[in-house]
Amino acid sequence: MRKAKPAGRKVTDIPADRLAQLNTGAAARTLTECLAVDFAALMGHVLPTIGSDALTGMRQAAATGISRRMPLAARLIADHLGPSGLDDLGTHASDTVRGWCCFMIGLPGATDLADRLDAIRPFADDPHFGVREWAWMALRPHIAAELERAVALLADWTGAPSPNLRRFASEATRPRGVWCSHIGALRHRPELGLAILEPLRTDRSSYVRDSVGNWLNDASKDRPDWVRELCARWTAENPTPDTLNLCRRALRSLHPDQ
């Protein structure tokens, strides 16, 4: 998630009554609120029958990063509810709970990648910024494990009516990304992602184009000449303000003063 924190605000600044709302299922309004949720408290409220062992495990993980706690919560819930968990929780008001569903879809197992992508689609198009980020993070290990197939599948998403889905295709395959492991193959061979990048370079949504620019900025840290050449071609082929802004974002690490 890259929605900016409110300036100077910390998790400890959130009023007690607002924390109580978050821990009983209210949707977070900011990244700071997302980070403030007490997973054990929320899980106990949403799933009162999950058992003390699961809640103890969640409490013991409270000091770990949120990107570690999300898959842990998903595993504990999947162990308790089984496949019905997605049906039970997938439309819950809490963005954190819906995020847990994303990681349930991403749990290790023999599920085919295409089936995982079909299952994640409503979460990738969720109205909440946080759920949309959890959606791609949850499937990223599987995307990296079957990269060429994933790119081929996600290339179809670039024509989706929703900009959220189009952005998912770009964000899920960023070579470096945010709060996630790098995809080594794309760091060294970013051209593998062109089937996704080319259709999105003139996307009508700045939300999508900014993701493409960030994708290329990632790539510029390992393949700067490739990114320069690609941006030069795109600018020559389509010299619009949108293309210029996308390429400026793509090249910002190489030209930080611009």
C-alpha atoms as a PDB file:
ATOM      1  CA  MET A   1       0.000   0.000   0.000  1.00  0.00           C
ATOM      2  CA  ARG A   2       1.433   3.354  -0.880  1.00  0.00           C
ATOM      3  CA  LYS A   3      -1.297   5.743   0.247  1.00  0.00           C
ATOM      4  CA  ALA A   4       0.644   8.370   2.145  1.00  0.00           C
ATOM      5  CA  LYS A   5       0.542   8.609   5.903  1.00  0.00           C
ATOM      6  CA  PRO A   6      -0.974  11.792   7.262  1.00  0.00           C
ATOM      7  CA  ALA A   7       1.889  14.180   7.982  1.00  0.00           C
ATOM      8  CA  GLY A   8       3.272  13.719  11.465  1.00  0.00           C
ATOM      9  CA  ARG A   9       0.595  11.247  12.496  1.00  0.00           C
ATOM     10  CA  LYS A  10       1.504   8.015  14.275  1.00  0.00           C
ATOM     11  CA  VAL A  11      -0.487   4.908  15.123  1.00  0.00           C
ATOM     12  CA  THR A  12      -0.448   5.971  18.773  1.00  0.00           C
ATOM     13  CA  ASP A  13      -2.191   9.237  17.827  1.00  0.00           C
ATOM     14  CA  ILE A  14      -5.393   7.471  16.797  1.00  0.00           C
ATOM     15  CA  PRO A  15      -8.115   8.059  19.426  1.00  0.00           C
ATOM     16  CA  ALA A  16      -9.147   5.076  21.534  1.00  0.00           C
ATOM     17  CA  ASP A  17     -12.716   5.144  20.274  1.00  0.00           C
ATOM     18  CA  ARG A  18     -11.508   5.037  16.655  1.00  0.00           C
ATOM     19  CA  LEU A  19      -9.176   2.125  17.445  1.00  0.00           C
ATOM     20  CA  ALA A  20     -12.125   0.294  18.986  1.00  0.00           C
ATOM     21  CA  GLN A  21     -14.084   0.823  15.765  1.00  0.00           C
ATOM     22  CA  LEU A  22     -11.218  -0.525  13.650  1.00  0.00           C
ATOM     23  CA  ASN A  23     -10.831  -3.562  15.903  1.00  0.00           C
ATOM     24  CA  THR A  24     -14.517  -4.392  15.595  1.00  0.00           C
ATOM     25  CA  GLY A  25     -14.728  -4.179  11.817  1.00  0.00           C
ATOM     26  CA  ALA A  26     -14.761  -0.559  10.672  1.00  0.00           C
ATOM     27  CA  ALA A  27     -12.934   0.241   7.446  1.00  0.00           C
ATOM     28  CA  ALA A  28      -9.618   2.069   7.737  1.00  0.00           C
ATOM     29  CA  ARG A  29      -9.484   5.518   6.177  1.00  0.00           C
ATOM     30  CA  THR A  30      -5.695   5.865   5.911  1.00  0.00           C
ATOM     31  CA  LEU A  31      -2.576   3.749   5.883  1.00  0.00           C
ATOM     32  CA  THR A  32      -1.957   4.790   9.491  1.00  0.00           C
ATOM     33  CA  GLU A  33      -5.305   3.297  10.478  1.00  0.00           C
ATOM     34  CA  CYS A  34      -4.567   0.122   8.503  1.00  0.00           C
ATOM     35  CA  LEU A  35      -1.371  -0.319  10.486  1.00  0.00           C
ATOM     36  CA  ALA A  36      -3.137   0.332  13.790  1.00  0.00           C
ATOM     37  CA  VAL A  37      -5.549  -2.606  13.610  1.00  0.00           C
ATOM     38  CA  ASP A  38      -5.119  -5.191  16.370  1.00  0.00           C
ATOM     39  CA  PHE A  39      -5.375  -8.398  14.351  1.00  0.00           C
ATOM     40  CA  ALA A  40      -6.131 -10.616  17.349  1.00  0.00           C
ATOM     41  CA  ALA A  41      -8.900  -8.312  18.569  1.00  0.00           C
ATOM     42  CA  LEU A  42     -10.449  -8.039  15.105  1.00  0.00           C
ATOM     43  CA  MET A  43     -10.170 -11.771  14.474  1.00  0.00           C
ATOM     44  CA  GLY A  44     -11.791 -12.576  17.801  1.00  0.00           C
ATOM     45  CA  HIS A  45     -14.638 -10.188  17.029  1.00  0.00           C
ATOM     46  CA  VAL A  46     -15.220 -11.424  13.477  1.00  0.00           C
ATOM     47  CA  LEU A  47     -14.667 -15.121  14.269  1.00  0.00           C
ATOM     48  CA  PRO A  48     -15.622 -15.685  17.912  1.00  0.00           C
ATOM     49  CA  THR A  49     -15.303 -19.467  17.507  1.00  0.00           C
ATOM     50  CA  ILE A  50     -11.791 -19.483  16.061  1.00  0.00           C
ATOM     51  CA  GLY A  51     -10.298 -20.613  19.348  1.00  0.00           C
ATOM     52  CA  SER A  52      -7.714 -19.434  21.819  1.00  0.00           C
ATOM     53  CA  ASP A  53      -4.745 -21.060  20.069  1.00  0.00           C
ATOM     54  CA  ALA A  54      -5.296 -19.013  16.914  1.00  0.00           C
ATOM     55  CA  LEU A  55      -5.751 -15.784  18.834  1.00  0.00           C
ATOM     56  CA  THR A  56      -2.663 -16.491  20.932  1.00  0.00           C
ATOM     57  CA  GLY A  57      -0.643 -17.059  17.762  1.00  0.00           C
ATOM     58  CA  MET A  58      -1.934 -13.776  16.383  1.00  0.00           C
ATOM     59  CA  ARG A  59      -1.039 -11.903  19.579  1.00  0.00           C
ATOM     60  CA  GLN A  60       2.451 -13.392  19.600  1.00  0.00           C
ATOM     61  CA  ALA A  61       2.993 -12.053  16.075  1.00  0.00           C
ATOM     62  CA  ALA A  62       1.791  -8.547  16.963  1.00  0.00           C
ATOM     63  CA  ALA A  63       5.306  -7.086  16.915  1.00  0.00           C
ATOM     64  CA  THR A  64       6.109  -8.422  13.440  1.00  0.00           C
ATOM     65  CA  GLY A  65       5.498  -6.439  10.268  1.00  0.00           C
ATOM     66  CA  ILE A  66       2.027  -6.317   8.779  1.00  0.00           C
ATOM     67  CA  SER A  67       3.198  -8.093   5.620  1.00  0.00           C
ATOM     68  CA  ARG A  68       4.059 -11.094   7.809  1.00  0.00           C
ATOM     69  CA  ARG A  69       0.870 -10.963   9.860  1.00  0.00           C
ATOM     70  CA  MET A  70      -1.459 -10.917   6.855  1.00  0.00           C
ATOM     71  CA  PRO A  71      -0.540 -14.419   5.588  1.00  0.00           C
ATOM     72  CA  LEU A  72      -0.480 -15.735   9.171  1.00  0.00           C
ATOM     73  CA  ALA A  73      -4.031 -14.505   9.729  1.00  0.00           C
ATOM     74  CA  ALA A  74      -5.067 -16.059   6.418  1.00  0.00           C
ATOM     75  CA  ARG A  75      -3.638 -19.440   7.393  1.00  0.00           C
ATOM     76  CA  LEU A  76      -5.302 -19.402  10.806  1.00  0.00           C
ATOM     77  CA  ILE A  77      -8.661 -18.519   9.277  1.00  0.00           C
ATOM     78  CA  ALA A  78      -8.306 -21.118   6.509  1.00  0.00           C
ATOM     79  CA  ASP A  79      -7.524 -23.768   9.116  1.00  0.00           C
ATOM     80  CA  HIS A  80     -10.686 -22.777  10.975  1.00  0.00           C
ATOM     81  CA  LEU A  81     -13.162 -22.187   8.160  1.00  0.00           C
ATOM     82  CA  GLY A  82     -11.737 -24.085   5.207  1.00  0.00           C
ATOM     83  CA  PRO A  83     -12.782 -23.034   1.693  1.00  0.00           C
ATOM     84  CA  SER A  84     -15.971 -21.417   2.994  1.00  0.00           C
ATOM     85  CA  GLY A  85     -13.890 -18.664   4.562  1.00  0.00           C
ATOM     86  CA  LEU A  86     -13.880 -16.605   1.381  1.00  0.00           C
ATOM     87  CA  ASP A  87     -17.666 -16.781   1.117  1.00  0.00           C
ATOM     88  CA  ASP A  88     -18.083 -15.863   4.773  1.00  0.00           C
ATOM     89  CA  LEU A  89     -15.613 -12.969   4.878  1.00  0.00           C
ATOM     90  CA  GLY A  90     -15.140 -11.743   1.328  1.00  0.00           C
ATOM     91  CA  THR A  91     -17.693  -8.954   1.660  1.00  0.00           C
ATOM     92  CA  HIS A  92     -16.956  -7.973   5.258  1.00  0.00           C
ATOM     93  CA  ALA A  93     -16.953  -4.229   5.978  1.00  0.00           C
ATOM     94  CA  SER A  94     -13.374  -4.334   7.302  1.00  0.00           C
ATOM     95  CA  ASP A  95     -10.726  -3.826   4.651  1.00  0.00           C
ATOM     96  CA  THR A  96      -8.337  -5.823   6.859  1.00  0.00           C
ATOM     97  CA  VAL A  97     -10.688  -8.810   6.821  1.00  0.00           C
ATOM     98  CA  ARG A  98     -11.015  -8.616   3.049  1.00  0.00           C
ATOM     99  CA  GLY A  99      -7.224  -8.387   2.924  1.00  0.00           C
ATOM    100  CA  TRP A 100      -7.034 -11.641   4.892  1.00  0.00           C
ATOM    101  CA  CYS A 101      -9.187 -13.155   2.140  1.00  0.00           C
ATOM    102  CA  CYS A 102      -6.620 -12.072  -0.443  1.00  0.00           C
ATOM    103  CA  PHE A 103      -3.938 -13.964   1.418  1.00  0.00           C
ATOM    104  CA  MET A 104      -6.203 -16.999   1.770  1.00  0.00           C
ATOM    105  CA  ILE A 105      -6.298 -17.069  -2.027  1.00  0.00           C
ATOM    106  CA  GLY A 106      -2.512 -16.807  -1.989  1.00  0.00           C
ATOM    107  CA  LEU A 107      -1.856 -19.598   0.506  1.00  0.00           C
ATOM    108  CA  PRO A 108       0.586 -22.316  -0.663  1.00  0.00           C
ATOM    109  CA  GLY A 109      -1.016 -25.230  -2.418  1.00  0.00           C
ATOM    110  CA  ALA A 110      -1.731 -26.843  -5.752  1.00  0.00           C
ATOM    111  CA  THR A 111      -4.268 -24.260  -6.948  1.00  0.00           C
ATOM    112  CA  ASP A 112      -3.705 -23.289 -10.569  1.00  0.00           C
ATOM    113  CA  LEU A 113      -2.483 -19.738 -11.163  1.00  0.00           C
ATOM    114  CA  ALA A 114      -5.386 -18.946 -13.488  1.00  0.00           C
ATOM    115  CA  ASP A 115      -7.828 -19.995 -10.769  1.00  0.00           C
ATOM    116  CA  ARG A 116      -6.035 -17.828  -8.221  1.00  0.00           C
ATOM    117  CA  LEU A 117      -6.256 -14.835 -10.560  1.00  0.00           C
ATOM    118  CA  ASP A 118      -9.964 -15.444 -11.103  1.00  0.00           C
ATOM    119  CA  ALA A 119     -10.506 -15.617  -7.341  1.00  0.00           C
ATOM    120  CA  ILE A 120      -8.505 -12.456  -6.621  1.00  0.00           C
ATOM    121  CA  ARG A 121     -10.273 -10.385  -9.278  1.00  0.00           C
ATOM    122  CA  PRO A 122     -13.023  -8.888  -7.061  1.00  0.00           C
ATOM    123  CA  PHE A 123     -10.434  -7.946  -4.442  1.00  0.00           C
ATOM    124  CA  ALA A 124      -8.172  -6.406  -7.090  1.00  0.00           C
ATOM    125  CA  ASP A 125     -11.166  -4.237  -8.002  1.00  0.00           C
ATOM    126  CA  ASP A 126     -12.127  -3.483  -4.390  1.00  0.00           C
ATOM    127  CA  PRO A 127     -13.180   0.111  -3.641  1.00  0.00           C
ATOM    128  CA  HIS A 128     -10.701   0.272  -0.747  1.00  0.00           C
ATOM    129  CA  PHE A 129      -7.113   1.233  -1.574  1.00  0.00           C
ATOM    130  CA  GLY A 130      -5.698  -1.192   0.991  1.00  0.00           C
ATOM    131  CA  VAL A 131      -7.492  -4.275  -0.298  1.00  0.00           C
ATOM    132  CA  ARG A 132      -6.305  -3.549  -3.820  1.00  0.00           C
ATOM    133  CA  GLU A 133      -2.711  -3.534  -2.561  1.00  0.00           C
ATOM    134  CA  TRP A 134      -3.127  -6.743  -0.555  1.00  0.00           C
ATOM    135  CA  ALA A 135      -4.582  -8.416  -3.647  1.00  0.00           C
ATOM    136  CA  TRP A 136      -1.420  -8.140  -5.730  1.00  0.00           C
ATOM    137  CA  MET A 137       0.895  -8.748  -2.784  1.00  0.00           C
ATOM    138  CA  ALA A 138      -0.916 -11.970  -1.933  1.00  0.00           C
ATOM    139  CA  LEU A 139      -0.443 -13.437  -5.410  1.00  0.00           C
ATOM    140  CA  ARG A 140       3.002 -12.053  -6.150  1.00  0.00           C
ATOM    141  CA  PRO A 141       4.916 -15.205  -5.063  1.00  0.00           C
ATOM    142  CA  HIS A 142       2.792 -17.291  -7.434  1.00  0.00           C
ATOM    143  CA  ILE A 143       3.219 -14.746 -10.223  1.00  0.00           C
ATOM    144  CA  ALA A 144       6.990 -14.828  -9.747  1.00  0.00           C
ATOM    145  CA  ALA A 145       7.015 -18.629  -9.717  1.00  0.00           C
ATOM    146  CA  GLU A 146       5.244 -18.822 -13.105  1.00  0.00           C
ATOM    147  CA  LEU A 147       6.321 -15.507 -14.536  1.00  0.00           C
ATOM    148  CA  GLU A 148       5.920 -16.025 -18.271  1.00  0.00           C
ATOM    149  CA  ARG A 149       2.517 -17.647 -17.835  1.00  0.00           C
ATOM    150  CA  ALA A 150       1.496 -14.931 -15.373  1.00  0.00           C
ATOM    151  CA  VAL A 151       2.451 -12.180 -17.818  1.00  0.00           C
ATOM    152  CA  ALA A 152       0.431 -13.887 -20.553  1.00  0.00           C
ATOM    153  CA  LEU A 153      -2.604 -14.159 -18.264  1.00  0.00           C
ATOM    154  CA  LEU A 154      -2.283 -10.624 -16.950  1.00  0.00           C
ATOM    155  CA  ALA A 155      -1.887  -9.207 -20.446  1.00  0.00           C
ATOM    156  CA  ASP A 156      -5.607  -9.899 -20.815  1.00  0.00           C
ATOM    157  CA  TRP A 157      -6.279  -7.733 -17.754  1.00  0.00           C
ATOM    158  CA  THR A 158      -4.864  -4.695 -19.557  1.00  0.00           C
ATOM    159  CA  GLY A 159      -8.106  -4.486 -21.511  1.00  0.00           C
ATOM    160  CA  ALA A 160     -10.392  -4.715 -18.470  1.00  0.00           C
ATOM    161  CA  PRO A 161     -13.017  -1.967 -18.074  1.00  0.00           C
ATOM    162  CA  SER A 162     -11.851  -1.184 -14.533  1.00  0.00           C
ATOM    163  CA  PRO A 163      -8.643   0.818 -14.054  1.00  0.00           C
ATOM    164  CA  ASN A 164      -8.125  -1.081 -10.811  1.00  0.00           C
ATOM    165  CA  LEU A 165      -7.798  -4.337 -12.720  1.00  0.00           C
ATOM    166  CA  ARG A 166      -5.576  -2.810 -15.376  1.00  0.00           C
ATOM    167  CA  ARG A 167      -3.323  -1.405 -12.652  1.00  0.00           C
ATOM    168  CA  PHE A 168      -3.176  -4.811 -10.929  1.00  0.00           C
ATOM    169  CA  ALA A 169      -1.470  -6.256 -14.009  1.00  0.00           C
ATOM    170  CA  SER A 170       1.284  -3.656 -13.760  1.00  0.00           C
ATOM    171  CA  GLU A 171       1.610  -3.441  -9.990  1.00  0.00           C
ATOM    172  CA  ALA A 172       1.728  -7.203  -9.437  1.00  0.00           C
ATOM    173  CA  THR A 173       4.682  -7.567 -11.777  1.00  0.00           C
ATOM    174  CA  ARG A 174       6.860  -4.626 -10.741  1.00  0.00           C
ATOM    175  CA  PRO A 175      10.491  -5.807 -10.701  1.00  0.00           C
ATOM    176  CA  ARG A 176      11.110  -4.428  -7.215  1.00  0.00           C
ATOM    177  CA  GLY A 177       7.785  -3.270  -5.854  1.00  0.00           C
ATOM    178  CA  VAL A 178       6.919  -2.049  -2.360  1.00  0.00           C
ATOM    179  CA  TRP A 179       6.743  -4.175   0.797  1.00  0.00           C
ATOM    180  CA  CYS A 180       7.433  -7.300  -1.232  1.00  0.00           C
ATOM    181  CA  SER A 181      10.180  -9.520  -2.601  1.00  0.00           C
ATOM    182  CA  HIS A 182      11.824  -8.562  -5.872  1.00  0.00           C
ATOM    183  CA  ILE A 183      11.221 -10.561  -9.042  1.00  0.00           C
ATOM    184  CA  GLY A 184      14.755 -11.331 -10.165  1.00  0.00           C
ATOM    185  CA  ALA A 185      13.836 -12.358 -13.696  1.00  0.00           C
ATOM    186  CA  LEU A 186      12.195  -8.994 -14.348  1.00  0.00           C
ATOM    187  CA  ARG A 187      15.050  -7.067 -12.771  1.00  0.00           C
ATOM    188  CA  HIS A 188      17.435  -8.645 -15.259  1.00  0.00           C
ATOM    189  CA  ARG A 189      15.028  -9.008 -18.207  1.00  0.00           C
ATOM    190  CA  PRO A 190      12.349  -6.326 -17.887  1.00  0.00           C
ATOM    191  CA  GLU A 191      11.423  -6.880 -21.514  1.00  0.00           C
ATOM    192  CA  LEU A 192       9.509  -9.931 -20.279  1.00  0.00           C
ATOM    193  CA  GLY A 193       6.869  -7.509 -19.013  1.00  0.00           C
ATOM    194  CA  LEU A 194       6.269  -5.661 -22.271  1.00  0.00           C
ATOM    195  CA  ALA A 195       3.041  -7.542 -22.994  1.00  0.00           C
ATOM    196  CA  ILE A 196       1.610  -5.713 -19.966  1.00  0.00           C
ATOM    197  CA  LEU A 197       3.430  -2.392 -20.265  1.00  0.00           C
ATOM    198  CA  GLU A 198       2.808  -1.649 -23.942  1.00  0.00           C
ATOM    199  CA  PRO A 199      -1.017  -1.661 -23.759  1.00  0.00           C
ATOM    200  CA  LEU A 200      -0.999   0.425 -20.575  1.00  0.00           C
ATOM    201  CA  ARG A 201       1.408   3.173 -21.644  1.00  0.00           C
ATOM    202  CA  THR A 202      -1.477   5.195 -23.123  1.00  0.00           C
ATOM    203  CA  ASP A 203      -4.063   4.188 -20.552  1.00  0.00           C
ATOM    204  CA  ARG A 204      -6.727   6.819 -19.955  1.00  0.00           C
ATOM    205  CA  SER A 205      -6.264   6.561 -16.176  1.00  0.00           C
ATOM    206  CA  SER A 206      -3.371   8.294 -14.417  1.00  0.00           C
ATOM    207  CA  TYR A 207      -3.728   5.666 -11.674  1.00  0.00           C
ATOM    208  CA  VAL A 208      -2.646   3.065 -14.225  1.00  0.00           C
ATOM    209  CA  ARG A 209      -0.045   5.168 -16.007  1.00  0.00           C
ATOM    210  CA  ASP A 210       1.618   6.043 -12.696  1.00  0.00           C
ATOM    211  CA  SER A 211       1.948   2.332 -11.950  1.00  0.00           C
ATOM    212  CA  VAL A 212       3.632   1.804 -15.329  1.00  0.00           C
ATOM    213  CA  GLY A 213       5.999   4.666 -14.559  1.00  0.00           C
ATOM    214  CA  ASN A 214       6.818   3.114 -11.201  1.00  0.00           C
ATOM    215  CA  TRP A 215       7.351  -0.265 -12.887  1.00  0.00           C
ATOM    216  CA  LEU A 216       9.904   1.277 -15.203  1.00  0.00           C
ATOM    217  CA  ASN A 217      11.533   3.219 -12.379  1.00  0.00           C
ATOM    218  CA  ASP A 218      12.072  -0.148 -10.673  1.00  0.00           C
ATOM    219  CA  ALA A 219      13.598  -1.502 -13.871  1.00  0.00           C
ATOM    220  CA  SER A 220      15.855   1.528 -14.281  1.00  0.00           C
ATOM    221  CA  LYS A 221      17.829   0.544 -11.200  1.00  0.00           C
ATOM    222  CA  ASP A 222      19.119  -2.593 -12.949  1.00  0.00           C
ATOM    223  CA  ARG A 223      18.611  -1.858 -16.661  1.00  0.00           C
ATOM    224  CA  PRO A 224      18.883   1.939 -17.036  1.00  0.00           C
ATOM    225  CA  ASP A 225      19.751   1.907 -20.733  1.00  0.00           C
ATOM    226  CA  TRP A 226      16.775  -0.302 -21.537  1.00  0.00           C
ATOM    227  CA  VAL A 227      14.402   2.073 -19.742  1.00  0.00           C
ATOM    228  CA  ARG A 228      15.944   5.106 -21.449  1.00  0.00           C
ATOM    229  CA  GLU A 229      15.561   3.503 -24.862  1.00  0.00           C
ATOM    230  CA  LEU A 230      11.984   2.423 -24.191  1.00  0.00           C
ATOM    231  CA  CYS A 231      10.972   5.878 -22.976  1.00  0.00           C
ATOM    232  CA  ALA A 232      12.647   7.475 -25.989  1.00  0.00           C
ATOM    233  CA  ARG A 233      10.648   5.210 -28.301  1.00  0.00           C
ATOM    234  CA  TRP A 234       7.373   5.795 -26.491  1.00  0.00           C
ATOM    235  CA  THR A 235       7.912   9.558 -26.511  1.00  0.00           C
ATOM    236  CA  ALA A 236       8.700   9.556 -30.222  1.00  0.00           C
ATOM    237  CA  GLU A 237       5.678   7.402 -31.042  1.00  0.00           C
ATOM    238  CA  ASN A 238       3.208   9.275 -28.825  1.00  0.00           C
ATOM    239  CA  PRO A 239       4.577  12.673 -27.716  1.00  0.00           C
ATOM    240  CA  THR A 240       1.636  13.631 -25.498  1.00  0.00           C
ATOM    241  CA  PRO A 241       1.764  15.239 -22.039  1.00  0.00           C
ATOM    242  CA  ASP A 242       0.611  11.924 -20.520  1.00  0.00           C
ATOM    243  CA  THR A 243       3.490  10.037 -22.145  1.00  0.00           C
ATOM    244  CA  LEU A 244       5.986  12.690 -21.094  1.00  0.00           C
ATOM    245  CA  ASN A 245       4.759  12.532 -17.499  1.00  0.00           C
ATOM    246  CA  LEU A 246       4.886   8.723 -17.482  1.00  0.00           C
ATOM    247  CA  CYS A 247       8.461   8.733 -18.764  1.00  0.00           C
ATOM    248  CA  ARG A 248       9.476  11.430 -16.311  1.00  0.00           C
ATOM    249  CA  ARG A 249       8.226   9.177 -13.522  1.00  0.00           C
ATOM    250  CA  ALA A 250      10.020   6.206 -15.094  1.00  0.00           C
ATOM    251  CA  LEU A 251      13.338   8.062 -15.266  1.00  0.00           C
ATOM    252  CA  ARG A 252      13.171   9.874 -11.942  1.00  0.00           C
ATOM    253  CA  SER A 253      15.871   7.753 -10.283  1.00  0.00           C
ATOM    254  CA  LEU A 254      18.190   8.379 -13.220  1.00  0.00           C
ATOM    255  CA  HIS A 255      17.411  12.106 -13.384  1.00  0.00           C
ATOM    256  CA  PRO A 256      16.448  13.072  -9.820  1.00  0.00           C
ATOM    257  CA  ASP A 257      16.685  16.818 -10.507  1.00  0.00           C
ATOM    258  CA  GLN A 258      14.029  16.825 -13.202  1.00  0.00           C
END
